[in-house]
């Protein structure tokens, strides 16, 4: 039985005015390694059915792994009980009508069939390519999504993804690299590990840096992570409606450097393509920033109804369990620039800092786009247009709009940066990001040096 048939069976068990069944299937493997030894290999075969029932304007939601007739009957009873005890939802737009989703890529048979021993071999290839201790993982998986509704909605998609994360680290040195794609042939574990080790060797002898505002080059890993945290609020219609996002009062205004253009593009084959959202609405490319002008935000059916004014869903609905967050940017795509490499961006900066990666990010003020965190695994001083002295990990607090206000340049070719969480049901997503050179990156202090 395929995922869509299972969703239909769950729908038949539901009793209510309307119902929507979501089936998520996963078959995946994750080969972790630490200190260049494989450990905690994980193989997952999972099947989750989520059932939403509507009764007299009240919504109930329940989920289960049991998919036999009795299990689906119990699932429907729990969803109905949840609906009966819920308050009336005045903003409920009704379930999505049938629609033809976009035809997208994103499935690779070789990746879907990749056996555990091949996953282990690819992890070993990464380990063997690094002369330093290597930490990280190789992973690949098949995800199947299906939605069936009492409106006649019936959509399904099979997704594959593969990725390698490599952190080369010893006392006093650490470097980071990753690769991801929807086909295993798009990933080279050995090359990724070599890049991480080469970066680590350059971080030995790291020195401190005085707090202050510096010009900076951010590699795609750093730029993608920073922009994603900003985008959670800035480009969500939920934040716009509640006037807590940077977009509130600024849609249609030029607020960034004209070199900066941004879209949410879930159908781009260079990313991890999706055909429909968690309401079943077709996904499409949405222009968020065009040559510095904040041109729009993401909508789902709920926020479009709440806002009125002719707004329509952009196919950006999150899972029902994350409804309160509003539409989420699962496929950010930043337009490239003219530079051929990060080294060319360093030449444009002249004097500043070079940042490989960020971590411990936290949103301080969503209205102004203020985010704090630390750099790690490859931070350097830029002197005379060259990437020079290695630096310790740096604490930063930046207003992302100010960082994007004056850009020296971006690299031509965006990199797909993996943003998938491997703690819940697998839903591969990432950010297409170039490296960027900005006139302003605010350093507030120093942390520890590179290394384990």
Protein backbone atom coordinates (compact mmCIF):
# COMPACT_ATOMS: atom_id res chain seq x y z
CA UNK A 1 0.00 0.00 0.00
CA UNK A 2 1.41 3.38 -0.97
CA UNK A 3 1.27 6.49 1.23
CA UNK A 4 -1.70 8.02 -0.57
CA UNK A 5 -3.76 4.85 -0.17
CA UNK A 6 -2.97 4.84 3.55
CA UNK A 7 -4.05 8.49 3.81
CA UNK A 8 -7.32 7.51 2.15
CA UNK A 9 -7.88 4.71 4.67
CA UNK A 10 -7.30 7.14 7.55
CA UNK A 11 -9.78 9.54 5.97
CA UNK A 12 -12.45 6.82 5.81
CA UNK A 13 -12.12 6.32 9.58
CA UNK A 14 -12.75 10.01 10.33
CA UNK A 15 -16.12 11.29 11.52
CA UNK A 16 -16.65 15.04 11.16
CA UNK A 17 -17.62 17.87 8.84
CA UNK A 18 -14.21 17.82 7.16
CA UNK A 19 -11.04 15.79 7.55
CA UNK A 20 -7.47 15.80 6.26
CA UNK A 21 -5.00 12.94 6.54
CA UNK A 22 -1.23 13.36 6.21
CA UNK A 23 1.05 10.35 5.85
CA UNK A 24 4.82 10.65 6.24
CA UNK A 25 7.01 7.66 5.50
CA UNK A 26 10.74 7.55 5.99
CA UNK A 27 13.44 5.02 5.21
CA UNK A 28 16.85 6.43 6.02
CA UNK A 29 20.28 5.79 7.42
CA UNK A 30 22.70 8.03 9.28
CA UNK A 31 26.30 6.93 9.80
CA UNK A 32 27.82 9.15 12.48
CA UNK A 33 31.54 9.36 13.15
CA UNK A 34 33.61 10.91 15.93
CA UNK A 35 37.39 11.06 16.26
CA UNK A 36 37.47 9.28 12.88
CA UNK A 37 35.53 6.27 14.11
CA UNK A 38 32.01 5.34 13.01
CA UNK A 39 29.62 5.17 15.95
CA UNK A 40 25.87 5.27 16.57
CA UNK A 41 24.79 4.14 13.10
CA UNK A 42 21.05 4.77 12.81
CA UNK A 43 18.61 3.05 10.47
CA UNK A 44 15.02 4.31 10.42
CA UNK A 45 11.88 2.88 8.90
CA UNK A 46 8.98 4.95 10.13
CA UNK A 47 5.39 5.65 9.15
CA UNK A 48 3.29 8.40 10.75
CA UNK A 49 -0.35 9.19 10.10
CA UNK A 50 -1.64 12.60 11.19
CA UNK A 51 -5.39 13.14 11.09
CA UNK A 52 -7.13 16.52 11.34
CA UNK A 53 -10.88 16.52 11.95
CA UNK A 54 -13.20 19.54 11.80
CA UNK A 55 -16.49 19.57 13.75
CA UNK A 56 -18.67 22.69 13.93
CA UNK A 57 -15.68 24.97 13.36
CA UNK A 58 -13.57 23.15 15.95
CA UNK A 59 -10.30 21.49 14.93
CA UNK A 60 -8.84 18.34 16.38
CA UNK A 61 -5.48 16.79 15.56
CA UNK A 62 -3.98 13.42 16.43
CA UNK A 63 -1.05 11.36 15.15
CA UNK A 64 -0.05 7.71 15.38
CA UNK A 65 2.35 5.08 14.02
CA UNK A 66 -0.19 2.27 14.10
CA UNK A 67 -1.76 1.85 10.67
CA UNK A 68 -3.97 -1.24 10.91
CA UNK A 69 -7.77 -0.79 10.91
CA UNK A 70 -8.03 -0.69 14.69
CA UNK A 71 -5.13 1.76 14.94
CA UNK A 72 -6.72 4.13 12.44
CA UNK A 73 -10.06 3.84 14.23
CA UNK A 74 -8.43 4.85 17.52
CA UNK A 75 -6.60 7.69 15.76
CA UNK A 76 -9.88 9.04 14.40
CA UNK A 77 -11.50 8.81 17.83
CA UNK A 78 -8.67 10.81 19.43
CA UNK A 79 -8.80 13.49 16.72
CA UNK A 80 -12.58 13.75 17.12
CA UNK A 81 -12.24 14.03 20.90
CA UNK A 82 -9.66 16.79 20.46
CA UNK A 83 -12.03 18.66 18.12
CA UNK A 84 -14.97 18.36 20.52
CA UNK A 85 -12.91 19.86 23.36
CA UNK A 86 -11.38 22.69 21.27
CA UNK A 87 -12.79 26.23 20.99
CA UNK A 88 -14.30 27.37 17.71
CA UNK A 89 -11.55 28.60 15.36
CA UNK A 90 -12.83 31.78 13.62
CA UNK A 91 -9.81 31.95 11.31
CA UNK A 92 -10.09 28.41 9.97
CA UNK A 93 -10.23 28.79 6.16
CA UNK A 94 -11.58 25.34 5.47
CA UNK A 95 -9.55 22.55 3.96
CA UNK A 96 -7.72 23.09 0.69
CA UNK A 97 -9.59 22.18 -2.51
CA UNK A 98 -8.13 19.75 -5.04
CA UNK A 99 -5.29 21.27 -7.05
CA UNK A 100 -2.66 20.05 -9.46
CA UNK A 101 0.78 20.50 -7.84
CA UNK A 102 3.85 21.48 -9.82
CA UNK A 103 5.87 18.73 -11.46
CA UNK A 104 9.22 18.82 -9.70
CA UNK A 105 12.43 16.85 -9.54
CA UNK A 106 13.82 15.72 -6.20
CA UNK A 107 13.72 11.92 -6.44
CA UNK A 108 16.70 9.72 -7.27
CA UNK A 109 16.23 5.96 -7.37
CA UNK A 110 19.84 5.16 -6.49
CA UNK A 111 19.57 7.33 -3.38
CA UNK A 112 16.23 5.82 -2.40
CA UNK A 113 17.74 2.31 -2.64
CA UNK A 114 21.12 3.08 -1.03
CA UNK A 115 21.82 0.18 1.37
CA UNK A 116 23.30 0.59 4.88
CA UNK A 117 26.63 -0.88 3.85
CA UNK A 118 26.99 1.79 1.14
CA UNK A 119 26.11 4.52 3.64
CA UNK A 120 28.85 3.14 5.92
CA UNK A 121 31.31 3.02 3.00
CA UNK A 122 30.67 6.66 2.15
CA UNK A 123 31.17 7.65 5.79
CA UNK A 124 34.46 5.73 5.78
CA UNK A 125 35.51 7.54 2.61
CA UNK A 126 35.16 10.84 4.44
CA UNK A 127 37.16 9.57 7.41
CA UNK A 128 39.97 8.20 5.22
CA UNK A 129 40.32 11.53 3.39
CA UNK A 130 41.18 13.53 6.54
CA UNK A 131 44.55 13.45 8.28
CA UNK A 132 42.90 15.11 11.30
CA UNK A 133 40.26 13.62 13.57
CA UNK A 134 36.94 13.84 11.78
CA UNK A 135 33.49 14.33 13.29
CA UNK A 136 30.16 14.35 11.49
CA UNK A 137 28.00 12.00 9.47
CA UNK A 138 26.87 10.70 6.13
CA UNK A 139 23.15 10.32 5.65
CA UNK A 140 20.69 9.43 2.93
CA UNK A 141 16.99 8.76 2.92
CA UNK A 142 13.68 8.42 1.16
CA UNK A 143 10.71 10.45 2.37
CA UNK A 144 7.18 9.94 1.12
CA UNK A 145 4.47 12.53 1.76
CA UNK A 146 0.77 12.11 0.99
CA UNK A 147 -2.30 14.22 1.78
CA UNK A 148 -5.92 13.22 1.31
CA UNK A 149 -8.92 15.38 2.25
CA UNK A 150 -12.69 15.20 2.21
CA UNK A 151 -12.61 18.05 -0.32
CA UNK A 152 -11.26 15.60 -2.88
CA UNK A 153 -7.63 16.64 -2.31
CA UNK A 154 -5.21 13.82 -3.07
CA UNK A 155 -1.50 14.56 -3.56
CA UNK A 156 1.71 12.65 -2.95
CA UNK A 157 5.44 12.99 -3.53
CA UNK A 158 8.57 10.91 -2.98
CA UNK A 159 11.69 12.84 -1.96
CA UNK A 160 15.28 11.69 -1.63
CA UNK A 161 18.24 13.42 -0.04
CA UNK A 162 21.84 12.69 0.79
CA UNK A 163 24.38 14.70 2.72
CA UNK A 164 27.72 14.69 4.43
CA UNK A 165 28.88 16.93 7.28
CA UNK A 166 32.58 17.03 8.12
CA UNK A 167 34.21 18.75 11.08
CA UNK A 168 37.97 18.21 11.21
CA UNK A 169 39.15 19.02 14.73
CA UNK A 170 42.06 18.50 17.10
CA UNK A 171 43.34 20.62 19.97
CA UNK A 172 43.87 24.13 18.59
CA UNK A 173 42.40 23.58 15.12
CA UNK A 174 38.99 22.99 13.54
CA UNK A 175 37.49 23.32 10.07
CA UNK A 176 34.05 22.68 8.62
CA UNK A 177 32.54 21.66 5.30
CA UNK A 178 29.34 19.99 4.09
CA UNK A 179 27.54 18.90 0.94
CA UNK A 180 23.94 17.97 0.30
CA UNK A 181 21.62 17.21 -2.61
CA UNK A 182 18.67 15.07 -3.64
CA UNK A 183 20.95 12.59 -5.35
CA UNK A 184 23.86 10.71 -3.80
CA UNK A 185 25.93 11.50 -6.90
CA UNK A 186 25.74 15.18 -5.89
CA UNK A 187 27.75 14.47 -2.73
CA UNK A 188 31.47 13.70 -2.43
CA UNK A 189 32.31 12.71 1.17
CA UNK A 190 36.06 12.51 0.58
CA UNK A 191 36.30 15.95 -1.01
CA UNK A 192 34.13 17.42 1.74
CA UNK A 193 36.40 15.97 4.42
CA UNK A 194 39.53 17.26 2.65
CA UNK A 195 38.09 20.78 2.55
CA UNK A 196 37.30 20.61 6.26
CA UNK A 197 40.82 19.39 7.09
CA UNK A 198 42.47 22.04 4.95
CA UNK A 199 40.41 24.73 6.68
CA UNK A 200 41.33 23.32 10.09
CA UNK A 201 45.06 23.44 9.36
CA UNK A 202 44.75 27.16 8.65
CA UNK A 203 43.16 27.84 12.06
CA UNK A 204 46.22 26.89 14.14
CA UNK A 205 47.64 29.68 16.30
CA UNK A 206 44.39 31.63 16.51
CA UNK A 207 44.51 35.10 18.07
CA UNK A 208 41.89 37.40 19.60
CA UNK A 209 40.13 40.42 18.12
CA UNK A 210 38.90 43.62 19.68
CA UNK A 211 35.13 44.11 19.72
CA UNK A 212 33.87 46.46 17.04
CA UNK A 213 32.19 46.74 13.67
CA UNK A 214 34.09 45.05 10.84
CA UNK A 215 33.62 44.45 7.15
CA UNK A 216 33.22 40.71 6.67
CA UNK A 217 33.03 37.84 4.23
CA UNK A 218 30.51 35.17 5.21
CA UNK A 219 30.81 31.78 3.57
CA UNK A 220 27.54 30.21 2.35
CA UNK A 221 27.23 28.13 5.56
CA UNK A 222 27.30 31.27 7.72
CA UNK A 223 25.17 33.40 5.42
CA UNK A 224 22.49 30.71 5.03
CA UNK A 225 22.14 30.14 8.77
CA UNK A 226 21.97 33.84 9.60
CA UNK A 227 19.44 34.61 6.87
CA UNK A 228 17.24 31.63 7.80
CA UNK A 229 16.93 32.82 11.40
CA UNK A 230 16.04 36.29 10.13
CA UNK A 231 13.53 34.88 7.65
CA UNK A 232 11.51 32.92 10.22
CA UNK A 233 9.81 36.16 11.25
CA UNK A 234 10.77 38.65 8.56
CA UNK A 235 9.16 36.80 5.66
CA UNK A 236 6.27 35.07 7.42
CA UNK A 237 2.78 36.53 7.03
CA UNK A 238 2.13 35.58 10.66
CA UNK A 239 4.82 38.00 11.80
CA UNK A 240 3.51 40.63 9.36
CA UNK A 241 -0.07 40.36 10.64
CA UNK A 242 1.07 40.57 14.26
CA UNK A 243 3.40 43.49 13.40
CA UNK A 244 6.37 41.84 15.04
CA UNK A 245 8.44 41.22 11.93
CA UNK A 246 10.85 43.44 10.04
CA UNK A 247 8.46 43.38 7.07
CA UNK A 248 5.71 45.19 8.99
CA UNK A 249 5.29 48.59 7.31
CA UNK A 250 8.17 47.97 4.89
CA UNK A 251 6.68 45.87 2.07
CA UNK A 252 7.37 47.75 -1.16
CA UNK A 253 10.25 49.75 0.32
CA UNK A 254 13.93 49.54 -0.66
CA UNK A 255 15.56 48.46 2.60
CA UNK A 256 18.58 46.41 1.44
CA UNK A 257 21.50 46.78 -0.94
CA UNK A 258 20.34 46.57 -4.57
CA UNK A 259 22.71 43.62 -5.02
CA UNK A 260 20.53 41.55 -2.69
CA UNK A 261 17.64 39.52 -4.11
CA UNK A 262 15.91 36.69 -2.29
CA UNK A 263 13.17 34.20 -3.11
CA UNK A 264 11.57 31.19 -1.51
CA UNK A 265 11.82 28.70 -4.35
CA UNK A 266 10.72 25.18 -3.44
CA UNK A 267 10.52 24.00 -7.07
CA UNK A 268 14.14 24.85 -8.04
CA UNK A 269 15.91 21.58 -9.00
CA UNK A 270 19.16 22.95 -7.54
CA UNK A 271 17.57 22.72 -4.10
CA UNK A 272 15.45 20.02 -2.47
CA UNK A 273 12.23 20.41 -4.48
CA UNK A 274 8.71 20.15 -3.04
CA UNK A 275 5.42 19.98 -4.96
CA UNK A 276 2.91 20.98 -2.27
CA UNK A 277 2.72 22.31 1.28
CA UNK A 278 1.20 20.77 4.41
CA UNK A 279 -2.26 22.03 3.50
CA UNK A 280 -1.97 20.39 0.09
CA UNK A 281 -1.66 23.67 -1.82
CA UNK A 282 0.77 23.75 -4.77
CA UNK A 283 4.14 25.28 -4.04
CA UNK A 284 5.61 28.02 -6.21
CA UNK A 285 8.48 30.48 -6.30
CA UNK A 286 7.83 33.61 -4.21
CA UNK A 287 9.91 36.77 -4.67
CA UNK A 288 10.71 38.16 -1.22
CA UNK A 289 13.36 40.77 -2.06
CA UNK A 290 14.03 42.14 -5.55
CA UNK A 291 17.16 44.28 -5.95
CA UNK A 292 16.91 45.47 -2.36
CA UNK A 293 13.14 46.05 -2.34
CA UNK A 294 11.17 44.00 0.19
CA UNK A 295 8.52 42.76 -2.22
CA UNK A 296 6.51 40.18 -0.30
CA UNK A 297 6.13 37.53 2.39
CA UNK A 298 4.96 33.92 2.53
CA UNK A 299 1.29 33.05 3.03
CA UNK A 300 -0.76 30.00 3.87
CA UNK A 301 -4.54 29.65 3.65
CA UNK A 302 -5.05 30.58 7.28
CA UNK A 303 -3.04 33.82 7.30
CA UNK A 304 -4.43 34.83 3.88
CA UNK A 305 -7.98 34.54 5.23
CA UNK A 306 -7.08 36.35 8.43
CA UNK A 307 -5.45 39.26 6.59
CA UNK A 308 -8.09 39.54 3.86
CA UNK A 309 -7.39 42.10 1.15
CA UNK A 310 -7.21 39.53 -1.62
CA UNK A 311 -4.20 37.64 -0.23
CA UNK A 312 -3.82 34.02 -1.33
CA UNK A 313 -1.68 31.14 -0.16
CA UNK A 314 1.78 30.89 -1.67
CA UNK A 315 1.94 27.17 -0.84
CA UNK A 316 3.94 27.82 2.32
CA UNK A 317 1.87 26.17 5.07
CA UNK A 318 3.86 24.42 7.81
CA UNK A 319 2.78 21.16 9.45
CA UNK A 320 -0.43 21.47 11.45
CA UNK A 321 1.55 20.90 14.65
CA UNK A 322 3.52 24.10 13.90
CA UNK A 323 0.51 26.16 12.75
CA UNK A 324 1.06 28.91 15.31
CA UNK A 325 4.38 29.78 13.64
CA UNK A 326 2.67 30.59 10.36
CA UNK A 327 4.28 30.03 6.94
CA UNK A 328 7.91 28.94 7.11
CA UNK A 329 10.72 29.50 4.56
CA UNK A 330 11.73 25.95 3.70
CA UNK A 331 13.51 26.86 0.43
CA UNK A 332 15.28 30.22 0.58
CA UNK A 333 17.28 31.07 -2.55
CA UNK A 334 19.68 34.04 -2.64
CA UNK A 335 20.69 35.38 -6.04
CA UNK A 336 24.39 35.25 -6.80
CA UNK A 337 26.59 38.18 -7.71
CA UNK A 338 29.71 38.75 -9.80
CA UNK A 339 32.57 37.38 -7.69
CA UNK A 340 34.11 34.07 -8.66
CA UNK A 341 35.22 33.04 -5.17
CA UNK A 342 35.33 33.98 -1.50
CA UNK A 343 38.92 35.08 -2.05
CA UNK A 344 37.69 37.69 -4.55
CA UNK A 345 35.24 38.92 -1.92
CA UNK A 346 38.12 39.27 0.54
CA UNK A 347 39.89 41.48 -1.99
CA UNK A 348 36.79 43.70 -2.13
CA UNK A 349 36.69 43.93 1.68
CA UNK A 350 40.36 44.82 2.03
CA UNK A 351 40.39 44.82 5.84
CA UNK A 352 37.93 42.84 7.96
CA UNK A 353 37.08 39.30 9.03
CA UNK A 354 36.28 36.02 7.28
CA UNK A 355 33.62 33.70 8.76
CA UNK A 356 33.08 30.07 7.80
CA UNK A 357 30.26 29.04 10.08
CA UNK A 358 27.94 30.26 12.86
CA UNK A 359 26.36 28.52 15.84
CA UNK A 360 24.37 29.19 19.01
CA UNK A 361 22.19 31.64 17.09
CA UNK A 362 19.37 33.36 18.93
CA UNK A 363 16.79 35.93 17.78
CA UNK A 364 17.01 38.95 20.08
CA UNK A 365 14.57 41.35 18.36
CA UNK A 366 12.52 40.03 15.42
CA UNK A 367 11.08 43.48 14.63
CA UNK A 368 14.56 44.83 13.90
CA UNK A 369 16.13 41.54 12.81
CA UNK A 370 18.70 41.45 15.62
CA UNK A 371 20.44 38.08 16.02
CA UNK A 372 23.26 36.99 18.30
CA UNK A 373 25.60 34.00 18.22
CA UNK A 374 29.19 32.89 17.68
CA UNK A 375 31.50 32.10 14.79
CA UNK A 376 33.34 28.79 14.70
CA UNK A 377 35.48 26.31 12.74
CA UNK A 378 37.27 28.80 10.55
CA UNK A 379 37.35 32.49 11.46
CA UNK A 380 40.14 34.65 10.02
CA UNK A 381 41.40 38.22 9.76
CA UNK A 382 41.36 39.81 6.32
CA UNK A 383 44.35 42.09 5.73
CA UNK A 384 45.26 43.78 2.48
CA UNK A 385 42.52 41.85 0.71
CA UNK A 386 43.95 38.48 1.77
CA UNK A 387 42.58 35.90 4.20
CA UNK A 388 45.29 36.04 6.85
CA UNK A 389 45.57 35.43 10.61
CA UNK A 390 43.31 32.78 12.19
CA UNK A 391 41.04 34.12 14.93
CA UNK A 392 39.44 32.56 17.96
CA UNK A 393 35.68 32.07 17.93
CA UNK A 394 33.97 35.46 18.03
CA UNK A 395 30.74 36.55 19.68
CA UNK A 396 28.53 38.72 17.51
CA UNK A 397 25.27 40.63 17.63
CA UNK A 398 24.05 41.89 14.27
CA UNK A 399 20.95 43.56 12.89
CA UNK A 400 20.56 41.57 9.69
CA UNK A 401 18.96 44.50 7.79
CA UNK A 402 22.03 46.62 8.59
CA UNK A 403 24.30 43.77 7.46
CA UNK A 404 22.38 43.64 4.17
CA UNK A 405 22.24 47.41 3.74
CA UNK A 406 25.71 47.77 2.19
CA UNK A 407 27.21 44.79 0.36
CA UNK A 408 30.54 44.72 -1.42
CA UNK A 409 29.54 41.67 -3.47
CA UNK A 410 28.37 38.06 -3.64
CA UNK A 411 29.78 34.99 -5.34
CA UNK A 412 28.17 33.91 -8.59
CA UNK A 413 27.22 30.31 -7.74
CA UNK A 414 25.00 29.60 -4.71
CA UNK A 415 25.73 26.55 -2.56
CA UNK A 416 22.97 24.31 -1.22
CA UNK A 417 23.34 24.44 2.57
CA UNK A 418 21.55 21.70 4.46
CA UNK A 419 19.01 22.88 7.04
CA UNK A 420 17.30 19.54 7.69
CA UNK A 421 16.49 18.52 11.25
CA UNK A 422 17.15 14.84 11.86
CA UNK A 423 15.28 14.75 15.18
CA UNK A 424 11.71 14.60 13.84
CA UNK A 425 10.13 13.17 10.70
CA UNK A 426 12.55 13.65 7.83
CA UNK A 427 11.66 16.63 5.64
CA UNK A 428 14.74 17.59 3.59
CA UNK A 429 15.23 21.32 3.17
CA UNK A 430 18.06 23.75 2.61
CA UNK A 431 19.12 27.25 1.58
CA UNK A 432 20.72 28.14 -1.75
CA UNK A 433 23.29 30.72 -0.64
CA UNK A 434 26.35 32.39 -2.17
CA UNK A 435 29.15 33.80 -0.07
CA UNK A 436 28.67 37.49 0.73
CA UNK A 437 30.87 40.47 1.57
CA UNK A 438 29.23 42.99 3.86
CA UNK A 439 30.41 46.36 5.14
CA UNK A 440 29.19 45.68 8.67
CA UNK A 441 29.43 42.72 11.05
CA UNK A 442 29.44 43.63 14.74
CA UNK A 443 31.76 41.68 17.05
CA UNK A 444 30.93 41.90 20.76
CA UNK A 445 33.54 39.61 22.30
CA UNK A 446 35.69 36.52 21.98
CA UNK A 447 35.14 32.89 22.89
CA UNK A 448 37.38 29.87 22.96
CA UNK A 449 39.90 28.93 20.32
CA UNK A 450 39.29 26.44 17.52
CA UNK A 451 39.51 22.73 18.23
CA UNK A 452 37.74 19.98 20.12
